[in-house]
Amino acid sequence: MSTSWVVLVILAAIAVYAVLLFNRLVKTRQMAKEGWSGIDVQLKRRADLVPNLVETVKGYAAHESALFEEIARLRSEVGRLDSGDVTHRGQLEGLLSGVLGRLLALAEAYPDLKASDNFLDLQASLVEIEDEIQMSRRYYNGAARNLNVIAQSFPSNLIARIFSFDSREYFEIDAVDRKVPEVSIGG
């Protein structure tokens, strides 16, 4: 009779441990979703700001049409992406950040633009949004890391596999996109 109690206690302990692992996986998955939502919100804020910034710069630097077309193309591509496509979204958003950096650098060549209150307000908003994107990216990547560690570590990987807890991709910018933008001012 005592052997059956021991077996029952062991089975109960395994069941409790499995429930605790499952709940931990749920928590970390939700944190990763929350992190991605934060990135998505900040990227939407930036996307909404870009047309105003472009229109303001166009008034001063109309001959920079190739840059304006590149921004429009990238915004369009980002808009067509599945919001869950972390890798491709990171690549396109990195490209867009680089192009926006070139757009902001144009202000150096146009003193009237550089002095425009509207441009300065838009530029300050963009800087604030970029900072928020970086903070959101760090939070998301930390949450994704935690989920990936739990989902890939033994014995929690057994529970993760049974209940389809998949690893998350990190939201990163390619090394090519980290270069300082080069600006050429046409005349």
Protein backbone atom coordinates (compact mmCIF):
# COMPACT_ATOMS: atom_id res chain seq x y z
CA MET A 1 0.00 0.00 0.00
CA SER A 2 2.85 2.44 0.76
CA THR A 3 4.31 1.83 -2.75
CA SER A 4 1.09 3.03 -4.34
CA TRP A 5 1.20 6.19 -2.19
CA VAL A 6 4.77 6.87 -3.26
CA VAL A 7 3.83 6.41 -6.92
CA LEU A 8 0.78 8.64 -6.45
CA VAL A 9 2.87 11.36 -4.78
CA ILE A 10 5.47 11.16 -7.56
CA LEU A 11 2.76 11.42 -10.25
CA ALA A 12 1.15 14.34 -8.42
CA ALA A 13 4.53 16.11 -8.18
CA ILE A 14 5.14 15.58 -11.90
CA ALA A 15 1.65 16.92 -12.70
CA VAL A 16 2.19 20.01 -10.52
CA TYR A 17 5.60 20.60 -12.10
CA ALA A 18 4.10 20.27 -15.61
CA VAL A 19 1.37 22.78 -14.75
CA LEU A 20 3.96 25.22 -13.37
CA LEU A 21 6.06 24.87 -16.54
CA PHE A 22 3.00 25.35 -18.73
CA ASN A 23 2.01 28.51 -16.83
CA ARG A 24 5.56 29.85 -17.10
CA LEU A 25 5.50 29.25 -20.85
CA VAL A 26 2.14 31.04 -21.14
CA LYS A 27 3.48 34.00 -19.16
CA THR A 28 6.64 34.35 -21.26
CA ARG A 29 4.69 33.97 -24.53
CA GLN A 30 2.32 36.74 -23.41
CA MET A 31 5.27 38.95 -22.49
CA ALA A 32 6.73 38.41 -25.97
CA LYS A 33 3.35 39.29 -27.55
CA GLU A 34 3.16 42.39 -25.38
CA GLY A 35 6.67 43.35 -26.43
CA TRP A 36 5.88 42.92 -30.10
CA SER A 37 2.72 44.97 -29.67
CA GLY A 38 4.83 47.78 -28.18
CA ILE A 39 7.14 47.72 -31.20
CA ASP A 40 4.17 47.66 -33.56
CA VAL A 41 2.59 50.71 -31.86
CA GLN A 42 5.82 52.72 -32.09
CA LEU A 43 6.38 51.75 -35.72
CA LYS A 44 2.81 52.85 -36.51
CA ARG A 45 3.45 56.19 -34.78
CA ARG A 46 6.56 56.63 -36.91
CA ALA A 47 4.72 55.63 -40.08
CA ASP A 48 2.05 58.23 -39.33
CA LEU A 49 4.69 60.92 -38.77
CA VAL A 50 6.68 60.23 -41.95
CA PRO A 51 4.26 61.81 -44.48
CA ASN A 52 4.21 65.09 -42.52
CA LEU A 53 7.99 65.09 -42.31
CA VAL A 54 8.35 64.34 -46.03
CA GLU A 55 5.88 67.08 -47.01
CA THR A 56 7.69 69.60 -44.83
CA VAL A 57 11.06 68.75 -46.37
CA LYS A 58 9.58 68.70 -49.90
CA GLY A 59 8.68 72.35 -49.55
CA TYR A 60 12.36 73.20 -49.11
CA ALA A 61 14.10 70.45 -51.06
CA ALA A 62 11.80 69.54 -53.94
CA HIS A 63 14.68 68.23 -56.07
CA GLU A 64 15.31 65.35 -53.63
CA SER A 65 12.60 63.29 -55.35
CA ALA A 66 14.58 60.01 -55.36
CA LEU A 67 14.77 60.11 -51.57
CA PHE A 68 11.04 60.87 -51.27
CA GLU A 69 10.22 58.01 -53.64
CA GLU A 70 12.41 55.61 -51.65
CA ILE A 71 10.63 56.59 -48.42
CA ALA A 72 7.21 56.09 -50.06
CA ARG A 73 8.27 52.69 -51.45
CA LEU A 74 9.58 51.47 -48.09
CA ARG A 75 6.47 52.69 -46.23
CA SER A 76 4.33 50.86 -48.76
CA GLU A 77 6.34 47.63 -48.37
CA VAL A 78 6.12 47.84 -44.57
CA GLY A 79 2.36 48.38 -44.82
CA ARG A 80 1.93 45.18 -46.85
CA LEU A 81 3.88 42.99 -44.41
CA ASP A 82 2.25 40.49 -42.09
CA SER A 83 2.65 42.00 -38.63
CA GLY A 84 4.06 38.70 -37.34
CA ASP A 85 6.94 38.63 -39.86
CA VAL A 86 9.57 39.83 -37.38
CA THR A 87 12.66 39.22 -39.52
CA HIS A 88 11.44 40.89 -42.70
CA ARG A 89 9.81 43.71 -40.73
CA GLY A 90 13.13 44.35 -38.95
CA GLN A 91 14.97 44.51 -42.28
CA LEU A 92 12.50 46.96 -43.84
CA GLU A 93 12.23 49.10 -40.73
CA GLY A 94 16.03 49.27 -40.60
CA LEU A 95 16.12 50.46 -44.20
CA LEU A 96 13.39 53.01 -43.47
CA SER A 97 15.33 54.29 -40.44
CA GLY A 98 18.39 54.79 -42.63
CA VAL A 99 16.43 56.70 -45.26
CA LEU A 100 14.79 58.85 -42.60
CA GLY A 101 18.26 59.62 -41.25
CA ARG A 102 19.24 60.84 -44.72
CA LEU A 103 16.06 62.93 -44.85
CA LEU A 104 16.86 64.57 -41.52
CA ALA A 105 20.45 65.18 -42.64
CA LEU A 106 19.10 67.27 -45.52
CA ALA A 107 18.25 70.00 -43.02
CA GLU A 108 21.96 70.83 -42.82
CA ALA A 109 21.91 71.92 -46.46
CA TYR A 110 18.74 73.99 -46.13
CA PRO A 111 19.01 76.66 -43.42
CA ASP A 112 15.38 77.72 -43.85
CA LEU A 113 14.25 74.13 -43.30
CA LYS A 114 16.56 73.78 -40.33
CA ALA A 115 14.94 76.87 -38.78
CA SER A 116 11.35 75.81 -39.51
CA ASP A 117 9.36 75.29 -36.31
CA ASN A 118 7.24 72.63 -38.02
CA PHE A 119 10.34 70.69 -39.12
CA LEU A 120 11.93 71.01 -35.69
CA ASP A 121 8.75 69.70 -34.02
CA LEU A 122 8.54 66.78 -36.45
CA GLN A 123 12.24 66.03 -35.99
CA ALA A 124 11.86 66.03 -32.20
CA SER A 125 8.84 63.72 -32.48
CA LEU A 126 10.78 61.36 -34.72
CA VAL A 127 13.71 61.25 -32.31
CA GLU A 128 11.33 60.49 -29.44
CA ILE A 129 9.63 57.72 -31.44
CA GLU A 130 12.99 56.21 -32.44
CA ASP A 131 13.96 56.11 -28.76
CA GLU A 132 10.66 54.41 -27.94
CA ILE A 133 11.25 51.89 -30.73
CA GLN A 134 14.66 51.07 -29.27
CA MET A 135 13.20 50.58 -25.79
CA SER A 136 10.37 48.45 -27.19
CA ARG A 137 12.86 46.42 -29.22
CA ARG A 138 14.95 45.70 -26.12
CA TYR A 139 11.87 44.67 -24.15
CA TYR A 140 10.59 42.42 -26.94
CA ASN A 141 13.99 40.82 -27.55
CA GLY A 142 14.35 40.14 -23.80
CA ALA A 143 10.89 38.57 -23.66
CA ALA A 144 11.63 36.55 -26.81
CA ARG A 145 14.92 35.39 -25.29
CA ASN A 146 13.17 34.27 -22.09
CA LEU A 147 10.54 32.37 -24.06
CA ASN A 148 13.19 30.77 -26.28
CA VAL A 149 15.27 29.67 -23.28
CA ILE A 150 12.30 28.08 -21.55
CA ALA A 151 10.93 26.52 -24.75
CA GLN A 152 14.31 25.03 -25.65
CA SER A 153 15.53 23.92 -22.19
CA PHE A 154 14.95 20.47 -20.78
CA PRO A 155 12.45 19.48 -19.35
CA SER A 156 10.30 22.52 -20.21
CA ASN A 157 10.92 21.87 -23.91
CA LEU A 158 8.79 18.72 -23.57
CA ILE A 159 5.81 20.74 -22.37
CA ALA A 160 6.55 23.46 -24.96
CA ARG A 161 6.56 20.90 -27.76
CA ILE A 162 3.33 19.24 -26.60
CA PHE A 163 1.49 22.57 -26.42
CA SER A 164 3.14 24.19 -29.48
CA PHE A 165 5.07 26.97 -27.77
CA ASP A 166 7.30 28.10 -30.61
CA SER A 167 10.50 30.09 -30.33
CA ARG A 168 10.36 33.76 -31.29
CA GLU A 169 12.61 35.58 -33.72
CA TYR A 170 14.52 38.60 -32.49
CA PHE A 171 13.72 42.03 -33.89
CA GLU A 172 17.10 43.14 -35.20
CA ILE A 173 18.58 45.44 -37.76
CA ASP A 174 21.02 43.96 -40.26
CA ALA A 175 24.65 45.11 -39.93
CA VAL A 176 24.39 46.76 -43.37
CA ASP A 177 21.55 48.94 -42.06
CA ARG A 178 23.63 50.11 -39.09
CA LYS A 179 25.93 52.20 -41.27
CA VAL A 180 25.79 55.95 -40.93
CA PRO A 181 23.73 57.25 -43.86
CA GLU A 182 25.57 59.03 -46.64
CA VAL A 183 23.96 62.24 -47.83
CA SER A 184 24.55 63.83 -51.18
CA ILE A 185 22.96 67.18 -51.79
CA GLY A 186 21.91 67.70 -55.38
CA GLY A 187 21.94 71.14 -56.89
